[in-house]
PDB file of N, CA and C in Angstrom:
ATOM      1  N   MET A   1     120.795  89.908 169.802  1.00  0.00           N
ATOM      2  CA  MET A   1     122.250  90.052 169.934  1.00  0.00           C
ATOM      3  C   MET A   1     122.392  90.757 170.999  1.00  0.00           C
ATOM      4  N   LYS A   2     122.225  92.229 171.284  1.00  0.00           N
ATOM      5  CA  LYS A   2     122.524  92.356 172.495  1.00  0.00           C
ATOM      6  C   LYS A   2     121.993  91.882 173.847  1.00  0.00           C
ATOM      7  N   ARG A   3     121.238  91.140 173.680  1.00  0.00           N
ATOM      8  CA  ARG A   3     121.024  90.010 174.922  1.00  0.00           C
ATOM      9  C   ARG A   3     121.485  89.282 175.014  1.00  0.00           C
ATOM     10  N   TRP A   4     122.462  88.385 173.933  1.00  0.00           N
ATOM     11  CA  TRP A   4     123.866  88.211 173.850  1.00  0.00           C
ATOM     12  C   TRP A   4     124.495  88.406 174.169  1.00  0.00           C
ATOM     13  N   LEU A   5     125.261  89.826 173.990  1.00  0.00           N
ATOM     14  CA  LEU A   5     126.542  89.786 174.053  1.00  0.00           C
ATOM     15  C   LEU A   5     126.323  90.733 175.701  1.00  0.00           C
ATOM     16  N   ALA A   6     125.640  90.733 176.154  1.00  0.00           N
ATOM     17  CA  ALA A   6     125.377  90.999 177.950  1.00  0.00           C
ATOM     18  C   ALA A   6     125.469  89.758 178.655  1.00  0.00           C
ATOM     19  N   MET A   7     124.851  88.461 178.005  1.00  0.00           N
ATOM     20  CA  MET A   7     124.427  87.042 179.017  1.00  0.00           C
ATOM     21  C   MET A   7     126.020  87.162 179.175  1.00  0.00           C
ATOM     22  N   THR A   8     126.719  86.582 177.728  1.00  0.00           N
ATOM     23  CA  THR A   8     128.150  86.313 177.932  1.00  0.00           C
ATOM     24  C   THR A   8     129.667  87.325 178.182  1.00  0.00           C
ATOM     25  N   ALA A   9     129.193  88.515 178.249  1.00  0.00           N
ATOM     26  CA  ALA A   9     130.159  89.325 178.186  1.00  0.00           C
ATOM     27  C   ALA A   9     131.283  89.049 179.860  1.00  0.00           C
ATOM     28  N   GLY A  10     131.447  89.195 180.510  1.00  0.00           N
ATOM     29  CA  GLY A  10     132.380  87.998 181.771  1.00  0.00           C
ATOM     30  C   GLY A  10     132.849  86.409 180.901  1.00  0.00           C
ATOM     31  N   LEU A  11     132.219  86.009 180.345  1.00  0.00           N
ATOM     32  CA  LEU A  11     132.574  84.488 179.832  1.00  0.00           C
ATOM     33  C   LEU A  11     133.658  84.736 178.679  1.00  0.00           C
ATOM     34  N   LEU A  12     133.368  86.543 177.570  1.00  0.00           N
ATOM     35  CA  LEU A  12     133.885  87.100 176.714  1.00  0.00           C
ATOM     36  C   LEU A  12     135.051  87.142 176.483  1.00  0.00           C
ATOM     37  N   ILE A  13     135.449  88.503 177.981  1.00  0.00           N
ATOM     38  CA  ILE A  13     136.221  88.558 178.785  1.00  0.00           C
ATOM     39  C   ILE A  13     137.367  87.421 179.701  1.00  0.00           C
ATOM     40  N   TRP A  14     136.953  86.418 179.834  1.00  0.00           N
ATOM     41  CA  TRP A  14     137.730  85.028 180.671  1.00  0.00           C
ATOM     42  C   TRP A  14     138.232  85.513 179.180  1.00  0.00           C
ATOM     43  N   ALA A  15     137.611  84.606 178.236  1.00  0.00           N
ATOM     44  CA  ALA A  15     138.784  83.720 176.521  1.00  0.00           C
ATOM     45  C   ALA A  15     139.420  85.120 175.979  1.00  0.00           C
ATOM     46  N   ALA A  16     138.814  86.339 176.141  1.00  0.00           N
ATOM     47  CA  ALA A  16     139.656  87.100 175.837  1.00  0.00           C
ATOM     48  C   ALA A  16     141.337  87.705 176.408  1.00  0.00           C
ATOM     49  N   HIS A  17     141.382  87.118 178.470  1.00  0.00           N
ATOM     50  CA  HIS A  17     142.214  86.880 178.714  1.00  0.00           C
ATOM     51  C   HIS A  17     142.936  85.692 178.599  1.00  0.00           C
ATOM     52  N   PHE A  18     142.303  85.001 178.551  1.00  0.00           N
ATOM     53  CA  PHE A  18     143.034  82.889 177.841  1.00  0.00           C
ATOM     54  C   PHE A  18     143.891  83.604 176.537  1.00  0.00           C
ATOM     55  N   LEU A  19     143.609  84.294 175.651  1.00  0.00           N
ATOM     56  CA  LEU A  19     144.223  84.618 174.686  1.00  0.00           C
ATOM     57  C   LEU A  19     145.540  85.128 175.272  1.00  0.00           C
ATOM     58  N   GLY A  20     144.828  86.400 175.574  1.00  0.00           N
ATOM     59  CA  GLY A  20     146.037  87.827 175.756  1.00  0.00           C
ATOM     60  C   GLY A  20     147.171  86.743 176.730  1.00  0.00           C
ATOM     61  N   LEU A  21     147.527  85.940 177.997  1.00  0.00           N
ATOM     62  CA  LEU A  21     147.772  85.058 178.469  1.00  0.00           C
ATOM     63  C   LEU A  21     148.408  84.348 177.451  1.00  0.00           C
ATOM     64  N   TYR A  22     148.093  83.816 176.798  1.00  0.00           N
ATOM     65  CA  TYR A  22     148.755  83.051 176.277  1.00  0.00           C
ATOM     66  C   TYR A  22     150.029  83.775 175.426  1.00  0.00           C
ATOM     67  N   LEU A  23     149.830  84.970 174.828  1.00  0.00           N
ATOM     68  CA  LEU A  23     150.230  85.153 173.734  1.00  0.00           C
ATOM     69  C   LEU A  23     151.269  86.309 174.703  1.00  0.00           C
ATOM     70  N   LEU A  24     150.964  86.273 176.115  1.00  0.00           N
ATOM     71  CA  LEU A  24     152.398  87.124 176.831  1.00  0.00           C
ATOM     72  C   LEU A  24     153.120  86.179 177.334  1.00  0.00           C
ATOM     73  N   ALA A  25     152.743  85.145 177.174  1.00  0.00           N
ATOM     74  CA  ALA A  25     154.287  83.693 177.745  1.00  0.00           C
ATOM     75  C   ALA A  25     154.932  83.515 176.261  1.00  0.00           C
ATOM     76  N   SER A  26     154.359  83.717 175.979  1.00  0.00           N
ATOM     77  CA  SER A  26     154.880  83.840 173.942  1.00  0.00           C
ATOM     78  C   SER A  26     155.507  83.906 173.883  1.00  0.00           C
ATOM     79  N   ALA A  27     155.380  85.598 173.676  1.00  0.00           N
ATOM     80  CA  ALA A  27     156.121  86.331 173.619  1.00  0.00           C
ATOM     81  C   ALA A  27     157.124  86.383 174.256  1.00  0.00           C
ATOM     82  N   ALA A  28     157.140  86.424 175.907  1.00  0.00           N
ATOM     83  CA  ALA A  28     158.079  86.020 177.000  1.00  0.00           C
ATOM     84  C   ALA A  28     159.121  84.931 176.683  1.00  0.00           C
ATOM     85  N   ASP A  29     158.457  83.890 175.939  1.00  0.00           N
ATOM     86  CA  ASP A  29     159.090  82.881 176.205  1.00  0.00           C
ATOM     87  C   ASP A  29     160.035  83.891 174.057  1.00  0.00           C
ATOM     88  N   VAL A  30     159.866  84.398 174.095  1.00  0.00           N
ATOM     89  CA  VAL A  30     160.502  84.316 172.940  1.00  0.00           C
ATOM     90  C   VAL A  30     161.922  85.124 172.748  1.00  0.00           C
ATOM     91  N   TRP A  31     162.175  86.721 173.439  1.00  0.00           N
ATOM     92  CA  TRP A  31     162.762  87.738 173.624  1.00  0.00           C
ATOM     93  C   TRP A  31     163.425  87.528 175.167  1.00  0.00           C
ATOM     94  N   SER A  32     162.354  86.944 175.654  1.00  0.00           N
ATOM     95  CA  SER A  32     162.822  87.277 176.996  1.00  0.00           C
ATOM     96  C   SER A  32     162.574  85.430 178.444  1.00  0.00           C
ATOM     97  N   SER A  33     163.158  85.557 179.407  1.00  0.00           N
ATOM     98  CA  SER A  33     163.236  84.016 180.504  1.00  0.00           C
ATOM     99  C   SER A  33     162.145  84.095 180.739  1.00  0.00           C
ATOM    100  N   THR A  34     161.154  83.361 181.287  1.00  0.00           N
ATOM    101  CA  THR A  34     159.728  83.045 181.126  1.00  0.00           C
ATOM    102  C   THR A  34     160.345  83.222 182.871  1.00  0.00           C
ATOM    103  N   GLU A  35     161.389  83.299 183.781  1.00  0.00           N
ATOM    104  CA  GLU A  35     161.072  83.310 184.879  1.00  0.00           C
ATOM    105  C   GLU A  35     161.308  85.376 184.595  1.00  0.00           C
ATOM    106  N   ALA A  36     160.849  86.016 183.610  1.00  0.00           N
ATOM    107  CA  ALA A  36     161.688  87.622 184.123  1.00  0.00           C
ATOM    108  C   ALA A  36     160.539  87.864 184.700  1.00  0.00           C
ATOM    109  N   ALA A  37     161.225  89.548 185.431  1.00  0.00           N
ATOM    110  CA  ALA A  37     159.737  89.549 186.599  1.00  0.00           C
ATOM    111  C   ALA A  37     158.740  90.623 186.165  1.00  0.00           C
ATOM    112  N   ALA A  38     159.362  91.172 184.759  1.00  0.00           N
ATOM    113  CA  ALA A  38     159.124  92.019 184.229  1.00  0.00           C
ATOM    114  C   ALA A  38     157.241  91.313 183.906  1.00  0.00           C
ATOM    115  N   GLY A  39     158.010  90.023 183.063  1.00  0.00           N
ATOM    116  CA  GLY A  39     156.563  89.563 182.509  1.00  0.00           C
ATOM    117  C   GLY A  39     155.672  88.713 182.659  1.00  0.00           C
ATOM    118  N   ARG A  40     155.660  89.285 184.649  1.00  0.00           N
ATOM    119  CA  ARG A  40     154.720  88.416 184.952  1.00  0.00           C
ATOM    120  C   ARG A  40     154.083  89.276 186.154  1.00  0.00           C
ATOM    121  N   TRP A  41     154.651  90.722 185.298  1.00  0.00           N
ATOM    122  CA  TRP A  41     153.871  91.981 186.210  1.00  0.00           C
ATOM    123  C   TRP A  41     152.963  92.576 184.744  1.00  0.00           C
ATOM    124  N   VAL A  42     154.157  92.194 184.083  1.00  0.00           N
ATOM    125  CA  VAL A  42     152.606  92.514 182.560  1.00  0.00           C
ATOM    126  C   VAL A  42     151.470  91.631 183.065  1.00  0.00           C
ATOM    127  N   GLY A  43     151.573  90.749 182.757  1.00  0.00           N
ATOM    128  CA  GLY A  43     150.417  89.693 182.802  1.00  0.00           C
ATOM    129  C   GLY A  43     150.077  90.087 184.419  1.00  0.00           C
ATOM    130  N   LEU A  44     150.024  90.307 184.936  1.00  0.00           N
ATOM    131  CA  LEU A  44     149.407  90.649 186.325  1.00  0.00           C
ATOM    132  C   LEU A  44     148.355  91.489 186.039  1.00  0.00           C
ATOM    133  N   GLY A  45     148.568  93.218 185.686  1.00  0.00           N
ATOM    134  CA  GLY A  45     148.054  94.068 184.704  1.00  0.00           C
ATOM    135  C   GLY A  45     147.715  93.618 184.070  1.00  0.00           C
ATOM    136  N   PHE A  46     147.500  93.125 182.722  1.00  0.00           N
ATOM    137  CA  PHE A  46     146.388  92.384 181.915  1.00  0.00           C
ATOM    138  C   PHE A  46     144.960  92.130 182.880  1.00  0.00           C
ATOM    139  N   SER A  47     145.629  91.370 183.858  1.00  0.00           N
ATOM    140  CA  SER A  47     145.093  89.912 184.954  1.00  0.00           C
ATOM    141  C   SER A  47     143.585  91.158 185.409  1.00  0.00           C
ATOM    142  N   LEU A  48     144.828  91.992 185.713  1.00  0.00           N
ATOM    143  CA  LEU A  48     143.374  92.551 186.756  1.00  0.00           C
ATOM    144  C   LEU A  48     142.753  93.901 185.991  1.00  0.00           C
ATOM    145  N   LEU A  49     143.329  93.890 184.866  1.00  0.00           N
ATOM    146  CA  LEU A  49     142.600  94.656 184.089  1.00  0.00           C
ATOM    147  C   LEU A  49     141.132  94.233 183.304  1.00  0.00           C
ATOM    148  N   CYS A  50     141.562  92.563 183.099  1.00  0.00           N
ATOM    149  CA  CYS A  50     140.068  91.541 182.680  1.00  0.00           C
ATOM    150  C   CYS A  50     139.126  91.551 184.235  1.00  0.00           C
ATOM    151  N   LEU A  51     139.514  91.547 185.224  1.00  0.00           N
ATOM    152  CA  LEU A  51     139.388  91.551 186.408  1.00  0.00           C
ATOM    153  C   LEU A  51     138.034  92.750 186.572  1.00  0.00           C
ATOM    154  N   ALA A  52     138.832  93.633 186.320  1.00  0.00           N
ATOM    155  CA  ALA A  52     138.004  95.116 186.650  1.00  0.00           C
ATOM    156  C   ALA A  52     137.255  95.219 185.269  1.00  0.00           C
ATOM    157  N   LEU A  53     136.734  94.690 184.268  1.00  0.00           N
ATOM    158  CA  LEU A  53     136.085  94.499 182.856  1.00  0.00           C
ATOM    159  C   LEU A  53     134.871  94.065 183.647  1.00  0.00           C
ATOM    160  N   ILE A  54     135.506  92.355 183.700  1.00  0.00           N
ATOM    161  CA  ILE A  54     134.591  91.588 184.333  1.00  0.00           C
ATOM    162  C   ILE A  54     133.624  92.262 185.582  1.00  0.00           C
ATOM    163  N   ALA A  55     133.763  93.007 186.419  1.00  0.00           N
ATOM    164  CA  ALA A  55     133.333  93.319 187.757  1.00  0.00           C
ATOM    165  C   ALA A  55     132.166  95.161 187.252  1.00  0.00           C
ATOM    166  N   VAL A  56     132.754  95.712 186.161  1.00  0.00           N
ATOM    167  CA  VAL A  56     132.038  96.575 185.919  1.00  0.00           C
ATOM    168  C   VAL A  56     130.846  95.987 184.529  1.00  0.00           C
ATOM    169  N   ALA A  57     131.445  95.098 184.393  1.00  0.00           N
ATOM    170  CA  ALA A  57     130.092  94.492 182.917  1.00  0.00           C
ATOM    171  C   ALA A  57     128.824  94.066 184.590  1.00  0.00           C
ATOM    172  N   ALA A  58     129.387  93.393 185.106  1.00  0.00           N
ATOM    173  CA  ALA A  58     128.468  92.501 186.051  1.00  0.00           C
ATOM    174  C   ALA A  58     128.183  93.798 186.763  1.00  0.00           C
ATOM    175  N   VAL A  59     128.298  94.818 187.154  1.00  0.00           N
ATOM    176  CA  VAL A  59     127.570  96.008 188.128  1.00  0.00           C
ATOM    177  C   VAL A  59     126.667  96.617 187.029  1.00  0.00           C
ATOM    178  N   VAL A  60     127.326  96.858 185.996  1.00  0.00           N
ATOM    179  CA  VAL A  60     126.763  97.269 184.755  1.00  0.00           C
ATOM    180  C   VAL A  60     124.580  96.444 184.589  1.00  0.00           C
ATOM    181  N   ILE A  61     125.109  95.033 184.835  1.00  0.00           N
ATOM    182  CA  ILE A  61     123.807  94.231 184.245  1.00  0.00           C
ATOM    183  C   ILE A  61     123.237  94.321 185.721  1.00  0.00           C
ATOM    184  N   ALA A  62     123.282  94.143 186.963  1.00  0.00           N
ATOM    185  CA  ALA A  62     123.231  94.118 187.792  1.00  0.00           C
ATOM    186  C   ALA A  62     122.326  95.420 188.227  1.00  0.00           C
ATOM    187  N   ARG A  63     122.949  96.546 187.900  1.00  0.00           N
ATOM    188  CA  ARG A  63     122.021  97.692 187.873  1.00  0.00           C
ATOM    189  C   ARG A  63     120.898  97.991 187.321  1.00  0.00           C
ATOM    190  N   ARG A  64     121.038  96.855 186.221  1.00  0.00           N
ATOM    191  CA  ARG A  64     119.120  97.131 185.143  1.00  0.00           C
ATOM    192  C   ARG A  64     118.326  96.798 185.910  1.00  0.00           C
ATOM    193  N   PRO A  65     116.894  97.529 185.933  1.00  0.00           N
ATOM    194  CA  PRO A  65     115.803  96.346 186.115  1.00  0.00           C
ATOM    195  C   PRO A  65     115.687  95.329 185.843  1.00  0.00           C
ATOM    196  N   ILE A  66     115.221  95.125 187.014  1.00  0.00           N
ATOM    197  CA  ILE A  66     114.855  93.267 186.704  1.00  0.00           C
ATOM    198  C   ILE A  66     113.960  93.100 186.284  1.00  0.00           C
ATOM    199  N   PRO A  67     114.107  92.598 184.826  1.00  0.00           N
ATOM    200  CA  PRO A  67     112.184  92.691 183.602  1.00  0.00           C
ATOM    201  C   PRO A  67     111.407  91.475 184.517  1.00  0.00           C
ATOM    202  N   ASP A  68     111.027  90.899 183.770  1.00  0.00           N
ATOM    203  CA  ASP A  68     109.562  89.985 184.086  1.00  0.00           C
ATOM    204  C   ASP A  68     110.037  88.857 182.469  1.00  0.00           C
ATOM    205  N   GLY A  69     109.806  87.681 183.002  1.00  0.00           N
ATOM    206  CA  GLY A  69     109.537  87.514 182.205  1.00  0.00           C
ATOM    207  C   GLY A  69     111.522  86.566 181.988  1.00  0.00           C
ATOM    208  N   PRO A  70     111.801  85.548 180.600  1.00  0.00           N
ATOM    209  CA  PRO A  70     112.868  85.970 180.547  1.00  0.00           C
ATOM    210  C   PRO A  70     114.125  86.576 180.556  1.00  0.00           C
ATOM    211  N   GLY A  71     113.600  87.619 180.528  1.00  0.00           N
ATOM    212  CA  GLY A  71     115.007  89.453 181.100  1.00  0.00           C
ATOM    213  C   GLY A  71     115.071  88.599 182.305  1.00  0.00           C
ATOM    214  N   SER A  72     114.377  87.914 183.223  1.00  0.00           N
ATOM    215  CA  SER A  72     115.260  87.743 184.567  1.00  0.00           C
ATOM    216  C   SER A  72     116.486  86.449 184.777  1.00  0.00           C
ATOM    217  N   TRP A  73     115.994  85.860 183.672  1.00  0.00           N
ATOM    218  CA  TRP A  73     116.326  84.461 183.576  1.00  0.00           C
ATOM    219  C   TRP A  73     118.055  84.883 182.749  1.00  0.00           C
ATOM    220  N   GLU A  74     117.831  85.652 181.822  1.00  0.00           N
ATOM    221  CA  GLU A  74     119.009  86.005 180.960  1.00  0.00           C
ATOM    222  C   GLU A  74     119.959  86.463 181.601  1.00  0.00           C
ATOM    223  N   ARG A  75     119.741  87.705 182.996  1.00  0.00           N
ATOM    224  CA  ARG A  75     120.239  88.600 183.805  1.00  0.00           C
ATOM    225  C   ARG A  75     120.918  87.511 184.304  1.00  0.00           C
ATOM    226  N   ARG A  76     120.362  86.389 185.622  1.00  0.00           N
ATOM    227  CA  ARG A  76     121.202  85.115 185.987  1.00  0.00           C
ATOM    228  C   ARG A  76     121.825  85.015 185.684  1.00  0.00           C
ATOM    229  N   VAL A  77     122.181  84.362 184.126  1.00  0.00           N
ATOM    230  CA  VAL A  77     123.364  83.866 183.955  1.00  0.00           C
ATOM    231  C   VAL A  77     124.217  84.938 183.276  1.00  0.00           C
ATOM    232  N   ALA A  78     123.498  86.013 182.915  1.00  0.00           N
ATOM    233  CA  ALA A  78     125.187  87.008 183.149  1.00  0.00           C
ATOM    234  C   ALA A  78     125.853  87.177 184.464  1.00  0.00           C
ATOM    235  N   LEU A  79     125.226  87.443 185.042  1.00  0.00           N
ATOM    236  CA  LEU A  79     125.765  87.183 187.074  1.00  0.00           C
ATOM    237  C   LEU A  79     126.549  86.373 186.712  1.00  0.00           C
ATOM    238  N   THR A  80     125.428  85.166 186.758  1.00  0.00           N
ATOM    239  CA  THR A  80     126.948  84.000 186.964  1.00  0.00           C
ATOM    240  C   THR A  80     127.614  83.438 186.283  1.00  0.00           C
ATOM    241  N   GLY A  81     127.652  83.282 184.716  1.00  0.00           N
ATOM    242  CA  GLY A  81     129.092  84.141 183.800  1.00  0.00           C
ATOM    243  C   GLY A  81     130.065  84.909 184.358  1.00  0.00           C
ATOM    244  N   ALA A  82     129.527  86.206 184.239  1.00  0.00           N
ATOM    245  CA  ALA A  82     130.966  87.521 185.149  1.00  0.00           C
ATOM    246  C   ALA A  82     131.080  86.579 186.923  1.00  0.00           C
ATOM    247  N   PHE A  83     130.340  85.641 187.337  1.00  0.00           N
ATOM    248  CA  PHE A  83     131.317  85.415 188.566  1.00  0.00           C
ATOM    249  C   PHE A  83     132.233  84.504 187.885  1.00  0.00           C
ATOM    250  N   VAL A  84     131.960  83.359 187.674  1.00  0.00           N
ATOM    251  CA  VAL A  84     132.534  82.365 186.085  1.00  0.00           C
ATOM    252  C   VAL A  84     133.806  82.662 185.668  1.00  0.00           C
ATOM    253  N   ALA A  85     133.516  83.667 185.765  1.00  0.00           N
ATOM    254  CA  ALA A  85     134.927  84.113 184.291  1.00  0.00           C
ATOM    255  C   ALA A  85     135.678  84.875 185.505  1.00  0.00           C
ATOM    256  N   ALA A  86     135.555  85.551 186.339  1.00  0.00           N
ATOM    257  CA  ALA A  86     135.754  86.324 187.764  1.00  0.00           C
ATOM    258  C   ALA A  86     136.909  85.551 187.761  1.00  0.00           C
ATOM    259  N   VAL A  87     136.224  83.785 188.393  1.00  0.00           N
ATOM    260  CA  VAL A  87     136.738  82.609 189.493  1.00  0.00           C
ATOM    261  C   VAL A  87     138.587  82.157 188.021  1.00  0.00           C
ATOM    262  N   GLY A  88     137.991  81.999 186.722  1.00  0.00           N
ATOM    263  CA  GLY A  88     138.145  81.748 185.984  1.00  0.00           C
ATOM    264  C   GLY A  88     139.799  82.040 185.934  1.00  0.00           C
ATOM    265  N   VAL A  89     139.054  83.804 185.292  1.00  0.00           N
ATOM    266  CA  VAL A  89     140.291  84.434 185.415  1.00  0.00           C
ATOM    267  C   VAL A  89     141.710  85.174 186.661  1.00  0.00           C
ATOM    268  N   THR A  90     140.874  84.645 187.775  1.00  0.00           N
ATOM    269  CA  THR A  90     141.796  84.720 189.165  1.00  0.00           C
ATOM    270  C   THR A  90     142.532  82.810 188.899  1.00  0.00           C
ATOM    271  N   TRP A  91     142.145  82.118 189.086  1.00  0.00           N
ATOM    272  CA  TRP A  91     142.394  80.539 189.230  1.00  0.00           C
ATOM    273  C   TRP A  91     144.035  81.091 187.687  1.00  0.00           C
ATOM    274  N   GLN A  92     143.760  81.218 186.324  1.00  0.00           N
ATOM    275  CA  GLN A  92     144.515  81.647 185.326  1.00  0.00           C
ATOM    276  C   GLN A  92     146.130  82.770 185.892  1.00  0.00           C
ATOM    277  N   THR A  93     145.904  83.555 187.183  1.00  0.00           N
ATOM    278  CA  THR A  93     146.494  84.339 187.481  1.00  0.00           C
ATOM    279  C   THR A  93     147.815  83.968 187.911  1.00  0.00           C
ATOM    280  N   ALA A  94     146.955  82.700 189.447  1.00  0.00           N
ATOM    281  CA  ALA A  94     147.683  82.221 190.329  1.00  0.00           C
ATOM    282  C   ALA A  94     149.324  81.432 189.890  1.00  0.00           C
ATOM    283  N   PRO A  95     149.632  80.924 188.736  1.00  0.00           N
ATOM    284  CA  PRO A  95     150.666  80.856 188.324  1.00  0.00           C
ATOM    285  C   PRO A  95     152.185  81.923 188.432  1.00  0.00           C
ATOM    286  N   LEU A  96     151.388  83.429 187.907  1.00  0.00           N
ATOM    287  CA  LEU A  96     151.964  84.062 188.299  1.00  0.00           C
ATOM    288  C   LEU A  96     153.132  84.231 189.092  1.00  0.00           C
ATOM    289  N   ALA A  97     152.583  83.763 190.156  1.00  0.00           N
ATOM    290  CA  ALA A  97     153.286  84.216 191.433  1.00  0.00           C
ATOM    291  C   ALA A  97     153.709  83.466 192.480  1.00  0.00           C
ATOM    292  N   PHE A  98     154.316  82.324 191.056  1.00  0.00           N
ATOM    293  CA  PHE A  98     155.129  80.832 191.312  1.00  0.00           C
ATOM    294  C   PHE A  98     156.424  81.364 190.037  1.00  0.00           C
TER     295      PHE A  98
END
C-alpha cells in the first residue's frame, strides 16, 4: 500500500486540489460574489499550497536511491504523476487570474 501511495501522491494531491477549489468556489458563490478578490486570493493560496506539496512529494521520491527491478518503474510513474499533477493544478488555477 505504501508503494501505491508513493506512486499516486501527486495525483491524489491534484484530486484534493480539484475538490478544494470546487468547494471554495461554491462557498464564494453562496456567501459573496464569485468576482470577489478575497475568494480568488484564497483559491490562489490553496493552489500554491498544493503545488508545494506536489513538489515536496516529487523531491522525496527523486531523492530515494534508485531501486532495481519494478521499483525503478514505480519511481518513474510517481515522478510522471507528480509532473502531470503540477500541470493540472496550474491549469485549474489559471481562471483565477481573470
